[in-house]
Amino acid sequence: MLRTAIYPGSFDPVTNGHLDIIERGLTLFDGITVAILHNPAKKYLFTVEERIGMLEESLKKFSGVSIEAFDGLLVDYAVQKNAQAILRGMRAVSDFEYEFQMALMNRRLNRDVQTVFLMTGLRWIFTSSSIIKEAACFGGNINGMVPPVVQQKLKEKFKQ
């Protein structure tokens, strides 16, 4: 039986911290579906299509990874994809409470889908999509924090 996981997030945009979690997750799982949550209540910098494109370019070197968008309950999506686990990355203690609550709710909704937490590598511990977007907006150097395609797309977005 293949061990598969769903790695959900907004990925607005994908960061090298996300790629680190995917790479290390592939040592635990045979396949990972990177699942972009479509939440109409949230405002995003990039469209779902743009985020999928950046992820496709950024994940070329990985096998066993697919990228999709979804809406609805994550545990329902995991069951639909025959995934045994939800993969989540945690940067700092501040992530713990929210992630813990979500894991408990998902477990209550479906006991067959496990949540697996991976600590972000130390070099990415303070990296988040929000911080990167803010730095890029004001012309900050984000080199090395995001894949090259993301760096280029952020430059294009903030020139407008």
Protein backbone atom coordinates (compact mmCIF):
# COMPACT_ATOMS: atom_id res chain seq x y z
CA MET A 1 0.00 0.00 0.00
CA LEU A 2 1.33 3.41 -0.93
CA ARG A 3 1.67 5.91 1.90
CA THR A 4 0.35 9.27 0.74
CA ALA A 5 -0.08 12.63 2.38
CA ILE A 6 -1.83 15.89 1.65
CA TYR A 7 0.25 19.02 2.23
CA PRO A 8 -2.35 21.81 2.39
CA GLY A 9 -1.80 25.54 2.35
CA SER A 10 -2.38 28.76 0.50
CA PHE A 11 1.17 28.82 -0.95
CA ASP A 12 0.75 32.53 -1.68
CA PRO A 13 3.57 32.24 -2.64
CA VAL A 14 5.50 29.01 -2.15
CA THR A 15 8.70 29.51 -0.12
CA ASN A 16 11.88 27.50 0.30
CA GLY A 17 10.50 26.53 3.71
CA HIS A 18 7.56 24.84 1.97
CA LEU A 19 9.96 23.05 -0.37
CA ASP A 20 11.97 21.86 2.64
CA ILE A 21 8.85 20.29 4.18
CA ILE A 22 7.95 18.61 0.87
CA GLU A 23 11.45 17.23 0.38
CA ARG A 24 11.61 15.82 3.90
CA GLY A 25 8.01 14.60 3.68
CA LEU A 26 8.96 12.51 0.67
CA THR A 27 11.27 10.50 2.92
CA LEU A 28 8.20 9.50 4.96
CA PHE A 29 5.57 9.19 2.23
CA ASP A 30 5.53 7.61 -1.23
CA GLY A 31 3.55 10.54 -2.58
CA ILE A 32 2.47 14.00 -1.54
CA THR A 33 -0.36 16.05 -2.95
CA VAL A 34 0.30 19.75 -2.51
CA ALA A 35 -3.22 21.04 -2.01
CA ILE A 36 -3.96 24.71 -2.50
CA LEU A 37 -6.97 25.67 -0.44
CA HIS A 38 -9.37 27.92 -2.29
CA ASN A 39 -10.93 30.13 0.35
CA PRO A 40 -13.13 32.87 -1.17
CA ALA A 41 -13.08 34.73 2.16
CA LYS A 42 -9.32 35.33 1.92
CA LYS A 43 -7.55 37.85 -0.26
CA TYR A 44 -4.57 36.45 -2.16
CA LEU A 45 -1.76 38.16 -4.07
CA PHE A 46 -1.61 35.37 -6.66
CA THR A 47 -4.48 33.53 -8.34
CA VAL A 48 -4.82 29.79 -7.83
CA GLU A 49 -3.57 29.28 -11.39
CA GLU A 50 -0.48 31.43 -10.73
CA ARG A 51 0.24 29.53 -7.52
CA ILE A 52 -0.10 26.18 -9.30
CA GLY A 53 2.28 27.40 -12.01
CA MET A 54 4.90 28.54 -9.49
CA LEU A 55 4.60 25.25 -7.60
CA GLU A 56 4.95 23.22 -10.80
CA GLU A 57 8.12 25.10 -11.72
CA SER A 58 9.50 24.88 -8.17
CA LEU A 59 8.80 21.16 -7.77
CA LYS A 60 10.23 19.91 -11.09
CA LYS A 61 13.08 18.09 -9.37
CA PHE A 62 10.77 16.08 -7.09
CA SER A 63 9.01 12.89 -8.11
CA GLY A 64 5.94 11.68 -6.29
CA VAL A 65 4.42 15.14 -5.92
CA SER A 66 1.18 16.35 -7.44
CA ILE A 67 -0.44 19.78 -7.17
CA GLU A 68 -4.16 20.49 -6.98
CA ALA A 69 -6.58 23.10 -5.72
CA PHE A 70 -9.47 22.17 -3.45
CA ASP A 71 -12.22 23.66 -1.36
CA GLY A 72 -14.23 22.19 1.46
CA LEU A 73 -13.08 20.14 4.41
CA LEU A 74 -9.49 18.98 4.32
CA VAL A 75 -10.26 15.55 5.82
CA ASP A 76 -12.90 14.94 3.14
CA TYR A 77 -10.35 15.88 0.47
CA ALA A 78 -7.79 13.52 2.06
CA VAL A 79 -10.27 10.64 1.95
CA GLN A 80 -11.15 11.49 -1.67
CA LYS A 81 -7.42 11.27 -2.52
CA ASN A 82 -6.91 8.05 -0.51
CA ALA A 83 -4.35 9.83 1.67
CA GLN A 84 -3.48 8.46 5.08
CA ALA A 85 -2.07 11.70 6.45
CA ILE A 86 -2.11 15.45 6.43
CA LEU A 87 1.41 16.88 6.40
CA ARG A 88 1.95 20.17 8.22
CA GLY A 89 5.07 22.21 8.82
CA MET A 90 5.65 24.15 12.02
CA ARG A 91 8.10 27.01 12.34
CA ALA A 92 7.82 28.14 15.92
CA VAL A 93 5.81 27.72 19.10
CA SER A 94 3.36 30.32 17.77
CA ASP A 95 2.27 27.82 15.07
CA PHE A 96 1.62 25.08 17.61
CA GLU A 97 -1.70 26.14 19.13
CA TYR A 98 -3.45 26.70 15.79
CA GLU A 99 -2.03 23.54 14.22
CA PHE A 100 -2.87 21.49 17.31
CA GLN A 101 -6.49 22.70 17.25
CA MET A 102 -6.80 21.93 13.54
CA ALA A 103 -5.29 18.46 14.00
CA LEU A 104 -7.72 17.69 16.82
CA MET A 105 -10.71 18.89 14.80
CA ASN A 106 -9.61 16.88 11.76
CA ARG A 107 -9.17 13.81 13.98
CA ARG A 108 -12.66 14.31 15.39
CA LEU A 109 -14.07 14.55 11.86
CA ASN A 110 -12.20 11.49 10.60
CA ARG A 111 -10.11 9.24 12.84
CA ASP A 112 -8.57 7.44 9.86
CA VAL A 113 -6.63 10.49 8.63
CA GLN A 114 -3.56 11.25 10.72
CA THR A 115 -1.76 14.59 11.01
CA VAL A 116 2.03 14.54 10.78
CA PHE A 117 4.01 17.59 11.86
CA LEU A 118 7.49 18.37 10.60
CA MET A 119 9.54 21.12 12.14
CA THR A 120 10.82 23.54 9.57
CA GLY A 121 14.56 23.51 9.00
CA LEU A 122 16.35 26.12 11.13
CA ARG A 123 17.26 28.27 8.17
CA TRP A 124 13.54 28.71 7.33
CA ILE A 125 12.17 29.13 10.86
CA PHE A 126 11.30 32.82 10.42
CA THR A 127 10.27 32.58 6.79
CA SER A 128 6.60 32.94 5.90
CA SER A 129 4.74 33.86 2.74
CA SER A 130 3.36 36.98 4.44
CA ILE A 131 6.77 38.25 5.53
CA ILE A 132 8.25 37.55 2.10
CA LYS A 133 5.41 39.41 0.34
CA GLU A 134 5.87 42.40 2.63
CA ALA A 135 9.63 42.50 2.07
CA ALA A 136 9.18 42.16 -1.70
CA CYS A 137 6.54 44.90 -1.71
CA PHE A 138 9.08 47.35 -0.31
CA GLY A 139 11.93 46.19 -2.54
CA GLY A 140 13.65 43.98 0.05
CA ASN A 141 16.09 41.29 -0.99
CA ILE A 142 14.28 37.94 -0.83
CA ASN A 143 16.97 36.06 -2.72
CA GLY A 144 17.38 32.54 -1.34
CA MET A 145 14.07 32.57 0.55
CA VAL A 146 11.89 31.62 -2.40
CA PRO A 147 12.43 29.70 -5.62
CA PRO A 148 13.68 31.86 -8.54
CA VAL A 149 10.31 31.72 -10.33
CA VAL A 150 8.60 33.13 -7.23
CA GLN A 151 11.17 35.88 -6.88
CA GLN A 152 10.53 36.90 -10.49
CA LYS A 153 6.74 36.80 -10.11
CA LEU A 154 6.90 38.92 -6.96
CA LYS A 155 9.02 41.51 -8.77
CA GLU A 156 6.43 41.59 -11.57
CA LYS A 157 3.51 41.93 -9.15
CA PHE A 158 5.02 44.81 -7.23
CA LYS A 159 6.14 46.75 -10.30
CA GLN A 160 2.46 47.26 -11.14
